[in-house]
Amino acid sequence: MILPIVAYGDPVLRKVCSDIDQEYEGLETLLSNMWDTMYNANGVGLAAPQIGLPIRLFMVDTSPFAEDEDLTVEEREQLAGFKKVFINATIIEETGTNWAFNEGCLSIPDIREDVSRQDTINIRYMDEEFKWHTHTYDGLLARVIQHEYDHIEGILFTDKISSLKKRLLKGKLTNITKGKIQVDYKMRFPMLKKGR
């Protein structure tokens, strides 16, 4: 089932999310609905706060990036096969060179900005079977995970841009909050009684 994506301005996007355990009711259905929602909106990642749930859960499928001809064959192969659920994740360390990449977000449609992030992360998380994993990721894979991880920490990519750019985007962000934007997927706007 496709769920509405929560728009910029909703307080749930600013919450530091809570861990869940194996008793979390309806997890299998929730994961299925989140995949449907993400693919319907042509996303490569989706975090639980984006559908209104303040829990430490996000998912990533980087296969759309595998079409990018600017990447090496090895990078494209890595991105093509990467589809994962992250539960109760903690980034242990971020290392390497800071690099800028143009990011967008399903909760902040029609806004894209260059965001600087370190290129390597070490992350500890549970999969959907609640088994622990610790992995190191780099490059575009690390970036997508960092972006989704920020969501469960109450951080948006617009928090990482310069104050000047934030001021320039203020009107656009206000319009998103009010639902004054055209999107081709279901959204819930904080300043509208009913999402569309």
C-alpha atoms as a PDB file:
ATOM      1  CA  MET A   1       0.000   0.000   0.000  1.00  0.00           C
ATOM      2  CA  ILE A   2       1.304   3.436  -0.930  1.00  0.00           C
ATOM      3  CA  LEU A   3       1.432   5.776   2.057  1.00  0.00           C
ATOM      4  CA  PRO A   4       1.496   9.595   1.988  1.00  0.00           C
ATOM      5  CA  ILE A   5       4.960  11.094   2.448  1.00  0.00           C
ATOM      6  CA  VAL A   6       5.185  13.700   5.197  1.00  0.00           C
ATOM      7  CA  ALA A   7       6.171  17.131   3.904  1.00  0.00           C
ATOM      8  CA  TYR A   8       8.742  19.586   5.221  1.00  0.00           C
ATOM      9  CA  GLY A   9       7.495  21.426   8.312  1.00  0.00           C
ATOM     10  CA  ASP A  10       5.894  18.418  10.016  1.00  0.00           C
ATOM     11  CA  PRO A  11       7.287  18.030  13.574  1.00  0.00           C
ATOM     12  CA  VAL A  12       7.850  14.266  13.094  1.00  0.00           C
ATOM     13  CA  LEU A  13      10.728  15.092  10.714  1.00  0.00           C
ATOM     14  CA  ARG A  14      12.542  16.840  13.590  1.00  0.00           C
ATOM     15  CA  LYS A  15      12.304  14.007  16.142  1.00  0.00           C
ATOM     16  CA  VAL A  16      15.225  11.862  17.209  1.00  0.00           C
ATOM     17  CA  CYS A  17      13.589   8.502  16.630  1.00  0.00           C
ATOM     18  CA  SER A  18      13.178   5.562  19.027  1.00  0.00           C
ATOM     19  CA  ASP A  19      14.519   2.018  18.697  1.00  0.00           C
ATOM     20  CA  ILE A  20      12.112  -0.804  17.938  1.00  0.00           C
ATOM     21  CA  ASP A  21      12.237  -4.504  18.808  1.00  0.00           C
ATOM     22  CA  GLN A  22      10.971  -7.766  17.288  1.00  0.00           C
ATOM     23  CA  GLU A  23       7.594  -7.210  18.942  1.00  0.00           C
ATOM     24  CA  TYR A  24       6.942  -4.099  16.830  1.00  0.00           C
ATOM     25  CA  GLU A  25       3.449  -4.728  15.527  1.00  0.00           C
ATOM     26  CA  GLY A  26       2.954  -5.044  11.773  1.00  0.00           C
ATOM     27  CA  LEU A  27       6.616  -4.612  10.828  1.00  0.00           C
ATOM     28  CA  GLU A  28       6.421  -6.874   7.773  1.00  0.00           C
ATOM     29  CA  THR A  29       3.435  -4.926   6.401  1.00  0.00           C
ATOM     30  CA  LEU A  30       5.109  -1.616   7.260  1.00  0.00           C
ATOM     31  CA  LEU A  31       8.270  -2.581   5.346  1.00  0.00           C
ATOM     32  CA  SER A  32       6.220  -3.688   2.334  1.00  0.00           C
ATOM     33  CA  ASN A  33       4.250  -0.412   2.383  1.00  0.00           C
ATOM     34  CA  MET A  34       7.457   1.626   2.713  1.00  0.00           C
ATOM     35  CA  TRP A  35       9.037  -0.109  -0.317  1.00  0.00           C
ATOM     36  CA  ASP A  36       5.828   0.536  -2.323  1.00  0.00           C
ATOM     37  CA  THR A  37       5.797   4.180  -1.202  1.00  0.00           C
ATOM     38  CA  MET A  38       9.472   4.738  -2.020  1.00  0.00           C
ATOM     39  CA  TYR A  39       9.269   3.150  -5.489  1.00  0.00           C
ATOM     40  CA  ASN A  40       6.031   5.000  -6.295  1.00  0.00           C
ATOM     41  CA  ALA A  41       7.831   8.300  -5.598  1.00  0.00           C
ATOM     42  CA  ASN A  42      10.984   7.220  -7.516  1.00  0.00           C
ATOM     43  CA  GLY A  43      13.104   7.439  -4.365  1.00  0.00           C
ATOM     44  CA  VAL A  44      16.336   5.620  -3.531  1.00  0.00           C
ATOM     45  CA  GLY A  45      15.731   5.777   0.223  1.00  0.00           C
ATOM     46  CA  LEU A  46      12.912   6.268   2.694  1.00  0.00           C
ATOM     47  CA  ALA A  47      12.940   6.689   6.473  1.00  0.00           C
ATOM     48  CA  ALA A  48      10.056   5.957   8.856  1.00  0.00           C
ATOM     49  CA  PRO A  49       9.653   9.633   9.919  1.00  0.00           C
ATOM     50  CA  GLN A  50       8.855  10.410   6.277  1.00  0.00           C
ATOM     51  CA  ILE A  51       5.659   8.380   6.646  1.00  0.00           C
ATOM     52  CA  GLY A  52       4.953   9.839  10.094  1.00  0.00           C
ATOM     53  CA  LEU A  53       6.563   7.227  12.369  1.00  0.00           C
ATOM     54  CA  PRO A  54       9.304   8.376  14.794  1.00  0.00           C
ATOM     55  CA  ILE A  55      11.142   5.011  14.793  1.00  0.00           C
ATOM     56  CA  ARG A  56      14.719   4.097  13.868  1.00  0.00           C
ATOM     57  CA  LEU A  57      13.963   2.451  10.561  1.00  0.00           C
ATOM     58  CA  PHE A  58      15.003   3.301   7.023  1.00  0.00           C
ATOM     59  CA  MET A  59      15.531   1.535   3.730  1.00  0.00           C
ATOM     60  CA  VAL A  60      17.762   2.064   0.731  1.00  0.00           C
ATOM     61  CA  ASP A  61      17.753   0.781  -2.852  1.00  0.00           C
ATOM     62  CA  THR A  62      20.472   2.459  -4.900  1.00  0.00           C
ATOM     63  CA  SER A  63      19.827   0.549  -8.152  1.00  0.00           C
ATOM     64  CA  PRO A  64      18.626   3.712 -10.036  1.00  0.00           C
ATOM     65  CA  PHE A  65      22.146   5.159  -9.615  1.00  0.00           C
ATOM     66  CA  ALA A  66      23.566   2.133 -11.445  1.00  0.00           C
ATOM     67  CA  GLU A  67      22.486   3.780 -14.733  1.00  0.00           C
ATOM     68  CA  ASP A  68      24.880   6.727 -14.144  1.00  0.00           C
ATOM     69  CA  GLU A  69      27.563   6.544 -16.816  1.00  0.00           C
ATOM     70  CA  ASP A  70      29.829   8.928 -14.887  1.00  0.00           C
ATOM     71  CA  LEU A  71      30.487   6.134 -12.394  1.00  0.00           C
ATOM     72  CA  THR A  72      33.000   3.315 -12.781  1.00  0.00           C
ATOM     73  CA  VAL A  73      31.772  -0.183 -13.699  1.00  0.00           C
ATOM     74  CA  GLU A  74      32.635  -1.322 -10.158  1.00  0.00           C
ATOM     75  CA  GLU A  75      30.621   1.532  -8.594  1.00  0.00           C
ATOM     76  CA  ARG A  76      27.649   0.814 -10.866  1.00  0.00           C
ATOM     77  CA  GLU A  77      27.716  -2.897  -9.943  1.00  0.00           C
ATOM     78  CA  GLN A  78      27.874  -2.066  -6.219  1.00  0.00           C
ATOM     79  CA  LEU A  79      24.911   0.326  -6.481  1.00  0.00           C
ATOM     80  CA  ALA A  80      22.856  -2.035  -8.717  1.00  0.00           C
ATOM     81  CA  GLY A  81      22.764  -4.788  -6.135  1.00  0.00           C
ATOM     82  CA  PHE A  82      22.275  -2.712  -2.999  1.00  0.00           C
ATOM     83  CA  LYS A  83      18.857  -3.002  -1.332  1.00  0.00           C
ATOM     84  CA  LYS A  84      18.744  -3.001   2.477  1.00  0.00           C
ATOM     85  CA  VAL A  85      16.611  -2.308   5.519  1.00  0.00           C
ATOM     86  CA  PHE A  86      18.337  -0.590   8.463  1.00  0.00           C
ATOM     87  CA  ILE A  87      16.769  -0.932  11.926  1.00  0.00           C
ATOM     88  CA  ASN A  88      18.106   0.769  15.097  1.00  0.00           C
ATOM     89  CA  ALA A  89      21.126   2.023  13.146  1.00  0.00           C
ATOM     90  CA  THR A  90      24.037   3.934  14.646  1.00  0.00           C
ATOM     91  CA  ILE A  91      26.799   5.491  12.566  1.00  0.00           C
ATOM     92  CA  ILE A  92      29.924   4.628  14.535  1.00  0.00           C
ATOM     93  CA  GLU A  93      32.310   6.743  12.493  1.00  0.00           C
ATOM     94  CA  GLU A  94      32.426   9.033   9.463  1.00  0.00           C
ATOM     95  CA  THR A  95      35.841   9.402   7.851  1.00  0.00           C
ATOM     96  CA  GLY A  96      37.530  10.379   4.620  1.00  0.00           C
ATOM     97  CA  THR A  97      37.305  13.380   2.371  1.00  0.00           C
ATOM     98  CA  ASN A  98      34.384  15.792   2.424  1.00  0.00           C
ATOM     99  CA  TRP A  99      32.719  15.899  -0.985  1.00  0.00           C
ATOM    100  CA  ALA A 100      29.705  17.730  -2.336  1.00  0.00           C
ATOM    101  CA  PHE A 101      26.856  16.051  -4.154  1.00  0.00           C
ATOM    102  CA  ASN A 102      23.481  17.358  -5.285  1.00  0.00           C
ATOM    103  CA  GLU A 103      20.839  15.926  -2.930  1.00  0.00           C
ATOM    104  CA  GLY A 104      17.070  15.991  -2.886  1.00  0.00           C
ATOM    105  CA  CYS A 105      14.436  14.546  -0.569  1.00  0.00           C
ATOM    106  CA  LEU A 106      10.935  13.117  -1.053  1.00  0.00           C
ATOM    107  CA  SER A 107       9.743  15.226   1.912  1.00  0.00           C
ATOM    108  CA  ILE A 108      11.146  18.389   0.275  1.00  0.00           C
ATOM    109  CA  PRO A 109      10.055  18.099  -3.375  1.00  0.00           C
ATOM    110  CA  ASP A 110      11.520  20.279  -6.128  1.00  0.00           C
ATOM    111  CA  ILE A 111      14.496  21.429  -4.041  1.00  0.00           C
ATOM    112  CA  ARG A 112      17.982  20.105  -4.721  1.00  0.00           C
ATOM    113  CA  GLU A 113      21.208  21.454  -3.227  1.00  0.00           C
ATOM    114  CA  ASP A 114      24.860  20.470  -3.004  1.00  0.00           C
ATOM    115  CA  VAL A 115      25.542  18.898   0.389  1.00  0.00           C
ATOM    116  CA  SER A 116      29.020  18.158   1.709  1.00  0.00           C
ATOM    117  CA  ARG A 117      29.533  14.843   3.532  1.00  0.00           C
ATOM    118  CA  GLN A 118      32.480  12.620   4.420  1.00  0.00           C
ATOM    119  CA  ASP A 119      32.899   9.784   1.945  1.00  0.00           C
ATOM    120  CA  THR A 120      33.174   6.771   4.287  1.00  0.00           C
ATOM    121  CA  ILE A 121      30.967   5.535   7.116  1.00  0.00           C
ATOM    122  CA  ASN A 122      31.038   2.668   9.557  1.00  0.00           C
ATOM    123  CA  ILE A 123      27.506   1.759  10.627  1.00  0.00           C
ATOM    124  CA  ARG A 124      25.960  -0.755  13.011  1.00  0.00           C
ATOM    125  CA  TYR A 125      22.363  -1.810  12.367  1.00  0.00           C
ATOM    126  CA  MET A 126      19.849  -4.646  12.459  1.00  0.00           C
ATOM    127  CA  ASP A 127      18.286  -6.141   9.354  1.00  0.00           C
ATOM    128  CA  GLU A 128      14.586  -7.049   9.107  1.00  0.00           C
ATOM    129  CA  GLU A 129      15.334 -10.349  10.887  1.00  0.00           C
ATOM    130  CA  PHE A 130      16.764  -8.315  13.816  1.00  0.00           C
ATOM    131  CA  LYS A 131      20.288  -9.636  13.222  1.00  0.00           C
ATOM    132  CA  TRP A 132      23.109  -7.178  13.974  1.00  0.00           C
ATOM    133  CA  HIS A 133      25.569  -6.113  11.255  1.00  0.00           C
ATOM    134  CA  THR A 134      28.494  -3.700  11.201  1.00  0.00           C
ATOM    135  CA  HIS A 135      29.632  -2.504   7.768  1.00  0.00           C
ATOM    136  CA  THR A 136      31.795   0.150   6.170  1.00  0.00           C
ATOM    137  CA  TYR A 137      30.398   1.896   3.095  1.00  0.00           C
ATOM    138  CA  ASP A 138      31.861   4.617   0.915  1.00  0.00           C
ATOM    139  CA  GLY A 139      31.056   6.877  -2.011  1.00  0.00           C
ATOM    140  CA  LEU A 140      27.479   7.263  -3.204  1.00  0.00           C
ATOM    141  CA  LEU A 141      26.320   4.299  -1.108  1.00  0.00           C
ATOM    142  CA  ALA A 142      27.575   5.982   2.073  1.00  0.00           C
ATOM    143  CA  ARG A 143      25.903   9.246   1.061  1.00  0.00           C
ATOM    144  CA  VAL A 144      22.457   7.702   0.554  1.00  0.00           C
ATOM    145  CA  ILE A 145      22.750   5.934   3.921  1.00  0.00           C
ATOM    146  CA  GLN A 146      23.925   9.165   5.628  1.00  0.00           C
ATOM    147  CA  HIS A 147      20.945  11.057   4.164  1.00  0.00           C
ATOM    148  CA  GLU A 148      18.441   8.457   5.423  1.00  0.00           C
ATOM    149  CA  TYR A 149      20.249   8.104   8.761  1.00  0.00           C
ATOM    150  CA  ASP A 150      19.935  11.872   9.255  1.00  0.00           C
ATOM    151  CA  HIS A 151      16.141  11.434   9.046  1.00  0.00           C
ATOM    152  CA  ILE A 152      16.077   9.158  12.109  1.00  0.00           C
ATOM    153  CA  GLU A 153      18.176  11.768  13.928  1.00  0.00           C
ATOM    154  CA  GLY A 154      15.724  14.586  13.083  1.00  0.00           C
ATOM    155  CA  ILE A 155      18.070  16.189  10.522  1.00  0.00           C
ATOM    156  CA  LEU A 156      17.183  17.261   6.972  1.00  0.00           C
ATOM    157  CA  PHE A 157      19.589  17.876   4.101  1.00  0.00           C
ATOM    158  CA  THR A 158      18.582  21.544   4.095  1.00  0.00           C
ATOM    159  CA  ASP A 159      20.167  21.818   7.569  1.00  0.00           C
ATOM    160  CA  LYS A 160      23.539  21.185   5.932  1.00  0.00           C
ATOM    161  CA  ILE A 161      23.496  24.057   3.438  1.00  0.00           C
ATOM    162  CA  SER A 162      24.718  27.619   3.964  1.00  0.00           C
ATOM    163  CA  SER A 163      22.546  30.146   5.794  1.00  0.00           C
ATOM    164  CA  LEU A 164      22.412  32.239   2.609  1.00  0.00           C
ATOM    165  CA  LYS A 165      20.999  29.319   0.603  1.00  0.00           C
ATOM    166  CA  LYS A 166      18.533  28.613   3.425  1.00  0.00           C
ATOM    167  CA  ARG A 167      17.290  32.210   3.244  1.00  0.00           C
ATOM    168  CA  LEU A 168      16.939  31.948  -0.536  1.00  0.00           C
ATOM    169  CA  LEU A 169      14.888  28.749  -0.152  1.00  0.00           C
ATOM    170  CA  LYS A 170      12.649  30.040   2.653  1.00  0.00           C
ATOM    171  CA  GLY A 171       9.704  30.879   0.381  1.00  0.00           C
ATOM    172  CA  LYS A 172       9.856  27.520  -1.413  1.00  0.00           C
ATOM    173  CA  LEU A 173      10.032  25.653   1.905  1.00  0.00           C
ATOM    174  CA  THR A 174       7.035  27.605   3.247  1.00  0.00           C
ATOM    175  CA  ASN A 175       5.065  26.697   0.113  1.00  0.00           C
ATOM    176  CA  ILE A 176       5.889  22.998   0.619  1.00  0.00           C
ATOM    177  CA  THR A 177       4.625  23.203   4.214  1.00  0.00           C
ATOM    178  CA  LYS A 178       1.369  24.754   2.959  1.00  0.00           C
ATOM    179  CA  GLY A 179       0.961  22.217   0.157  1.00  0.00           C
ATOM    180  CA  LYS A 180       1.440  24.862  -2.547  1.00  0.00           C
ATOM    181  CA  ILE A 181       3.416  22.514  -4.767  1.00  0.00           C
ATOM    182  CA  GLN A 182       2.767  20.030  -7.553  1.00  0.00           C
ATOM    183  CA  VAL A 183       3.917  16.490  -6.766  1.00  0.00           C
ATOM    184  CA  ASP A 184       3.148  13.213  -8.526  1.00  0.00           C
ATOM    185  CA  TYR A 185       2.999  11.126  -5.338  1.00  0.00           C
ATOM    186  CA  LYS A 186       0.825  11.211  -2.231  1.00  0.00           C
ATOM    187  CA  MET A 187       1.930  13.709   0.419  1.00  0.00           C
ATOM    188  CA  ARG A 188       0.713  14.923   3.806  1.00  0.00           C
ATOM    189  CA  PHE A 189       1.244  18.636   4.361  1.00  0.00           C
ATOM    190  CA  PRO A 190       1.465  19.995   7.930  1.00  0.00           C
ATOM    191  CA  MET A 191      -0.490  23.167   7.238  1.00  0.00           C
ATOM    192  CA  LEU A 192      -3.353  21.492   5.352  1.00  0.00           C
ATOM    193  CA  LYS A 193      -6.158  19.647   7.105  1.00  0.00           C
ATOM    194  CA  LYS A 194      -6.000  16.837   4.526  1.00  0.00           C
ATOM    195  CA  GLY A 195      -2.966  15.667   2.548  1.00  0.00           C
ATOM    196  CA  ARG A 196      -3.342  14.813  -1.097  1.00  0.00           C
END
